[in-house]
Amino acid sequence: MAGPAFRKFPLLFDRVLVERSAAETVTKGGITLPEKSQGKVLQAKVAAVGSGSKGTCGEIQPVSVKVGDEVLLPEHGGTKAVLGDKDYFLFRDGDILGKYVD
């Protein structure tokens, strides 16, 4: 299940394509942070998902997140993919640490 912008890039199996959230560049007190101090962004929005992976009996196990979900990513991992003029990252469904609930 992919969003309309990704029809030419269908994801396979249990892959999840995410767009990382922007890093905080200014503190709550108004201090501008240098790039080195910003840290790695671990939050992302799901842009597209694959159809799922095959279970032991051959049934398809759907991906646990859907397009538009806000998720928490591991600090390391993921494969960078440039689509259009934006940077995205590919993860396996099992690599995603959790999703934010409204």
N, C-alpha and C. Protein backbone atom coordinates (compact mmCIF):
# COMPACT_ATOMS: atom_id res chain seq x y z
N MET A 1 0.84 -1.18 0.00
CA MET A 1 0.00 0.00 0.00
C MET A 1 0.89 1.24 0.00
N ALA A 2 0.91 1.95 -1.05
CA ALA A 2 1.75 3.13 -1.17
C ALA A 2 0.89 4.35 -1.38
N GLY A 3 1.41 5.48 -0.93
CA GLY A 3 0.73 6.74 -1.17
C GLY A 3 0.79 7.08 -2.64
N PRO A 4 -0.02 8.05 -3.11
CA PRO A 4 -0.08 8.37 -4.53
C PRO A 4 1.25 8.83 -5.12
N ALA A 5 2.13 9.42 -4.33
CA ALA A 5 3.40 9.92 -4.85
C ALA A 5 4.38 8.79 -5.12
N PHE A 6 4.08 7.57 -4.66
CA PHE A 6 5.06 6.48 -4.77
C PHE A 6 4.57 5.34 -5.65
N ARG A 7 3.66 5.60 -6.56
CA ARG A 7 3.14 4.54 -7.44
C ARG A 7 4.24 3.99 -8.34
N LYS A 8 5.24 4.77 -8.68
CA LYS A 8 6.33 4.31 -9.52
C LYS A 8 7.43 3.64 -8.72
N PHE A 9 7.26 3.56 -7.39
CA PHE A 9 8.26 2.94 -6.51
C PHE A 9 7.54 2.02 -5.52
N PRO A 10 6.98 0.89 -6.02
CA PRO A 10 6.26 -0.01 -5.11
C PRO A 10 7.23 -0.72 -4.17
N LEU A 11 6.88 -0.78 -2.91
CA LEU A 11 7.72 -1.45 -1.92
C LEU A 11 7.42 -2.93 -1.89
N LEU A 12 8.43 -3.72 -1.64
CA LEU A 12 8.27 -5.16 -1.59
C LEU A 12 8.21 -5.66 -0.15
N PHE A 13 7.45 -6.70 0.05
CA PHE A 13 7.38 -7.44 1.32
C PHE A 13 7.07 -6.53 2.50
N ASP A 14 7.90 -6.59 3.54
CA ASP A 14 7.62 -5.86 4.79
C ASP A 14 8.41 -4.55 4.89
N ARG A 15 8.71 -3.94 3.77
CA ARG A 15 9.48 -2.70 3.78
C ARG A 15 8.58 -1.50 4.10
N VAL A 16 9.17 -0.53 4.79
CA VAL A 16 8.46 0.69 5.17
C VAL A 16 9.33 1.87 4.75
N LEU A 17 8.77 2.79 3.98
CA LEU A 17 9.48 3.99 3.54
C LEU A 17 9.06 5.14 4.43
N VAL A 18 10.04 5.81 5.07
CA VAL A 18 9.73 6.89 6.00
C VAL A 18 10.46 8.16 5.62
N GLU A 19 9.89 9.27 6.03
CA GLU A 19 10.53 10.58 5.88
C GLU A 19 10.83 11.08 7.29
N ARG A 20 12.12 11.26 7.58
CA ARG A 20 12.51 11.69 8.93
C ARG A 20 12.00 13.10 9.21
N SER A 21 11.65 13.34 10.47
CA SER A 21 11.22 14.67 10.90
C SER A 21 12.42 15.60 10.91
N ALA A 22 12.18 16.89 10.82
CA ALA A 22 13.26 17.87 10.82
C ALA A 22 13.86 17.99 12.22
N ALA A 23 15.15 18.20 12.28
CA ALA A 23 15.84 18.35 13.56
C ALA A 23 15.51 19.70 14.18
N GLU A 24 15.48 19.72 15.50
CA GLU A 24 15.25 20.98 16.22
C GLU A 24 16.47 21.88 16.01
N THR A 25 16.25 23.07 15.49
CA THR A 25 17.37 23.98 15.24
C THR A 25 17.41 25.13 16.25
N VAL A 26 16.32 25.30 17.00
CA VAL A 26 16.24 26.37 18.00
C VAL A 26 15.66 25.78 19.28
N THR A 27 16.28 26.10 20.42
CA THR A 27 15.76 25.61 21.70
C THR A 27 14.51 26.38 22.08
N LYS A 28 13.83 25.90 23.13
CA LYS A 28 12.63 26.59 23.61
C LYS A 28 12.95 28.00 24.08
N GLY A 29 14.18 28.21 24.53
CA GLY A 29 14.61 29.53 24.98
C GLY A 29 15.05 30.45 23.85
N GLY A 30 15.05 29.96 22.61
CA GLY A 30 15.38 30.79 21.45
C GLY A 30 16.83 30.71 21.02
N ILE A 31 17.61 29.80 21.59
CA ILE A 31 19.03 29.67 21.21
C ILE A 31 19.13 28.79 19.97
N THR A 32 19.84 29.27 18.95
CA THR A 32 20.04 28.51 17.73
C THR A 32 21.14 27.48 17.96
N LEU A 33 20.81 26.23 17.63
CA LEU A 33 21.76 25.14 17.82
C LEU A 33 22.63 24.94 16.59
N PRO A 34 23.95 24.74 16.79
CA PRO A 34 24.80 24.41 15.64
C PRO A 34 24.46 22.99 15.16
N GLU A 35 24.79 22.70 13.93
CA GLU A 35 24.42 21.42 13.33
C GLU A 35 24.95 20.22 14.12
N LYS A 36 26.16 20.34 14.68
CA LYS A 36 26.75 19.24 15.45
C LYS A 36 25.96 18.93 16.72
N SER A 37 25.30 19.91 17.28
CA SER A 37 24.58 19.73 18.53
C SER A 37 23.14 19.27 18.35
N GLN A 38 22.67 19.18 17.15
CA GLN A 38 21.26 18.87 16.91
C GLN A 38 20.91 17.42 17.19
N GLY A 39 21.84 16.51 17.07
CA GLY A 39 21.55 15.11 17.32
C GLY A 39 20.80 14.46 16.16
N LYS A 40 20.70 13.15 16.23
CA LYS A 40 20.04 12.40 15.16
C LYS A 40 18.54 12.35 15.43
N VAL A 41 17.76 12.56 14.40
CA VAL A 41 16.30 12.55 14.52
C VAL A 41 15.83 11.10 14.43
N LEU A 42 15.08 10.67 15.44
CA LEU A 42 14.61 9.30 15.48
C LEU A 42 13.12 9.18 15.18
N GLN A 43 12.47 10.31 14.92
CA GLN A 43 11.05 10.31 14.59
C GLN A 43 10.90 10.45 13.08
N ALA A 44 9.87 9.79 12.55
CA ALA A 44 9.62 9.86 11.10
C ALA A 44 8.15 9.63 10.82
N LYS A 45 7.75 10.02 9.63
CA LYS A 45 6.38 9.80 9.17
C LYS A 45 6.42 8.75 8.07
N VAL A 46 5.53 7.77 8.14
CA VAL A 46 5.48 6.70 7.15
C VAL A 46 4.93 7.26 5.84
N ALA A 47 5.69 7.06 4.75
CA ALA A 47 5.29 7.56 3.44
C ALA A 47 4.69 6.46 2.57
N ALA A 48 5.14 5.21 2.75
CA ALA A 48 4.63 4.08 1.97
C ALA A 48 4.98 2.79 2.69
N VAL A 49 4.20 1.74 2.45
CA VAL A 49 4.46 0.43 3.05
C VAL A 49 4.30 -0.66 2.00
N GLY A 50 5.00 -1.77 2.21
CA GLY A 50 4.87 -2.92 1.34
C GLY A 50 3.64 -3.74 1.70
N SER A 51 3.43 -4.83 1.01
CA SER A 51 2.24 -5.65 1.22
C SER A 51 2.34 -6.56 2.44
N GLY A 52 3.54 -6.80 2.94
CA GLY A 52 3.72 -7.67 4.10
C GLY A 52 4.65 -8.82 3.77
N SER A 53 4.95 -9.62 4.79
CA SER A 53 5.86 -10.75 4.59
C SER A 53 5.08 -12.06 4.68
N LYS A 54 5.65 -13.12 4.12
CA LYS A 54 5.00 -14.43 4.16
C LYS A 54 5.28 -15.09 5.50
N GLY A 55 4.22 -15.64 6.10
CA GLY A 55 4.36 -16.38 7.35
C GLY A 55 4.84 -17.79 7.08
N THR A 56 4.93 -18.60 8.13
CA THR A 56 5.43 -19.96 8.00
C THR A 56 4.52 -20.85 7.16
N CYS A 57 3.23 -20.57 7.16
CA CYS A 57 2.27 -21.38 6.38
C CYS A 57 1.98 -20.75 5.02
N GLY A 58 2.69 -19.69 4.65
CA GLY A 58 2.50 -19.06 3.35
C GLY A 58 1.52 -17.90 3.36
N GLU A 59 0.88 -17.63 4.49
CA GLU A 59 -0.07 -16.51 4.56
C GLU A 59 0.70 -15.19 4.64
N ILE A 60 0.09 -14.13 4.14
CA ILE A 60 0.72 -12.80 4.18
C ILE A 60 0.43 -12.15 5.52
N GLN A 61 1.49 -11.74 6.21
CA GLN A 61 1.36 -11.01 7.47
C GLN A 61 1.50 -9.53 7.15
N PRO A 62 0.44 -8.74 7.33
CA PRO A 62 0.50 -7.33 6.93
C PRO A 62 1.49 -6.53 7.78
N VAL A 63 1.93 -5.42 7.22
CA VAL A 63 2.84 -4.51 7.92
C VAL A 63 2.08 -3.86 9.07
N SER A 64 2.76 -3.61 10.19
CA SER A 64 2.09 -3.12 11.40
C SER A 64 1.84 -1.62 11.42
N VAL A 65 2.34 -0.88 10.43
CA VAL A 65 2.10 0.57 10.36
C VAL A 65 1.42 0.89 9.05
N LYS A 66 0.85 2.09 8.97
CA LYS A 66 0.19 2.51 7.73
C LYS A 66 0.70 3.89 7.33
N VAL A 67 0.42 4.27 6.11
CA VAL A 67 0.85 5.58 5.59
C VAL A 67 0.28 6.67 6.49
N GLY A 68 1.16 7.61 6.89
CA GLY A 68 0.76 8.72 7.74
C GLY A 68 1.08 8.53 9.20
N ASP A 69 1.39 7.29 9.64
CA ASP A 69 1.75 7.05 11.04
C ASP A 69 3.06 7.73 11.39
N GLU A 70 3.15 8.24 12.62
CA GLU A 70 4.41 8.78 13.16
C GLU A 70 5.08 7.64 13.91
N VAL A 71 6.34 7.33 13.58
CA VAL A 71 7.02 6.18 14.16
C VAL A 71 8.35 6.59 14.80
N LEU A 72 8.84 5.70 15.67
CA LEU A 72 10.14 5.86 16.31
C LEU A 72 11.11 4.89 15.65
N LEU A 73 12.24 5.40 15.20
CA LEU A 73 13.22 4.60 14.47
C LEU A 73 14.41 4.25 15.36
N PRO A 74 15.13 3.18 15.01
CA PRO A 74 16.38 2.89 15.73
C PRO A 74 17.43 3.95 15.36
N GLU A 75 18.42 4.11 16.22
CA GLU A 75 19.45 5.12 15.98
C GLU A 75 20.28 4.81 14.73
N HIS A 76 20.51 3.53 14.47
CA HIS A 76 21.30 3.12 13.30
C HIS A 76 20.45 2.25 12.41
N GLY A 77 20.78 2.22 11.14
CA GLY A 77 20.09 1.35 10.20
C GLY A 77 19.27 2.13 9.20
N GLY A 78 18.59 1.41 8.36
CA GLY A 78 17.80 2.02 7.31
C GLY A 78 18.65 2.25 6.07
N THR A 79 18.00 2.26 4.94
CA THR A 79 18.68 2.50 3.67
C THR A 79 18.13 3.78 3.08
N LYS A 80 19.03 4.71 2.75
CA LYS A 80 18.62 6.00 2.21
C LYS A 80 18.14 5.82 0.77
N ALA A 81 17.03 6.48 0.46
CA ALA A 81 16.48 6.47 -0.90
C ALA A 81 16.07 7.89 -1.25
N VAL A 82 16.56 8.39 -2.37
CA VAL A 82 16.21 9.74 -2.82
C VAL A 82 15.14 9.59 -3.90
N LEU A 83 13.96 10.14 -3.62
CA LEU A 83 12.86 10.11 -4.58
C LEU A 83 12.46 11.55 -4.86
N GLY A 84 12.56 11.93 -6.11
CA GLY A 84 12.31 13.33 -6.45
C GLY A 84 13.42 14.16 -5.85
N ASP A 85 13.07 15.12 -5.04
CA ASP A 85 14.08 15.96 -4.39
C ASP A 85 14.10 15.74 -2.87
N LYS A 86 13.51 14.65 -2.39
CA LYS A 86 13.44 14.39 -0.95
C LYS A 86 14.22 13.14 -0.58
N ASP A 87 14.74 13.14 0.65
CA ASP A 87 15.44 11.98 1.20
C ASP A 87 14.46 11.15 2.03
N TYR A 88 14.42 9.87 1.77
CA TYR A 88 13.61 8.92 2.51
C TYR A 88 14.51 7.82 3.01
N PHE A 89 13.99 7.00 3.92
CA PHE A 89 14.74 5.86 4.43
C PHE A 89 13.85 4.63 4.41
N LEU A 90 14.44 3.50 4.02
CA LEU A 90 13.74 2.22 3.98
C LEU A 90 14.11 1.40 5.22
N PHE A 91 13.11 0.88 5.90
CA PHE A 91 13.31 0.00 7.04
C PHE A 91 12.43 -1.23 6.86
N ARG A 92 12.80 -2.31 7.51
CA ARG A 92 11.90 -3.46 7.62
C ARG A 92 10.89 -3.14 8.70
N ASP A 93 9.71 -3.70 8.59
CA ASP A 93 8.66 -3.47 9.58
C ASP A 93 9.14 -3.82 10.99
N GLY A 94 9.87 -4.89 11.13
CA GLY A 94 10.36 -5.33 12.44
C GLY A 94 11.42 -4.43 13.04
N ASP A 95 12.05 -3.56 12.23
CA ASP A 95 13.07 -2.65 12.73
C ASP A 95 12.48 -1.41 13.39
N ILE A 96 11.23 -1.10 13.09
CA ILE A 96 10.59 0.09 13.66
C ILE A 96 10.28 -0.18 15.12
N LEU A 97 10.70 0.74 15.99
CA LEU A 97 10.60 0.53 17.43
C LEU A 97 9.21 0.75 17.99
N GLY A 98 8.44 1.62 17.38
CA GLY A 98 7.08 1.89 17.88
C GLY A 98 6.43 2.97 17.06
N LYS A 99 5.13 3.19 17.34
CA LYS A 99 4.44 4.27 16.65
C LYS A 99 3.72 5.11 17.69
N TYR A 100 3.61 6.40 17.38
CA TYR A 100 2.97 7.35 18.28
C TYR A 100 1.46 7.27 18.11
N VAL A 101 0.76 7.32 19.23
CA VAL A 101 -0.70 7.24 19.23
C VAL A 101 -1.24 8.61 19.61
N ASP A 102 -2.27 9.05 18.91
CA ASP A 102 -2.88 10.37 19.20
C ASP A 102 -3.46 10.41 20.59
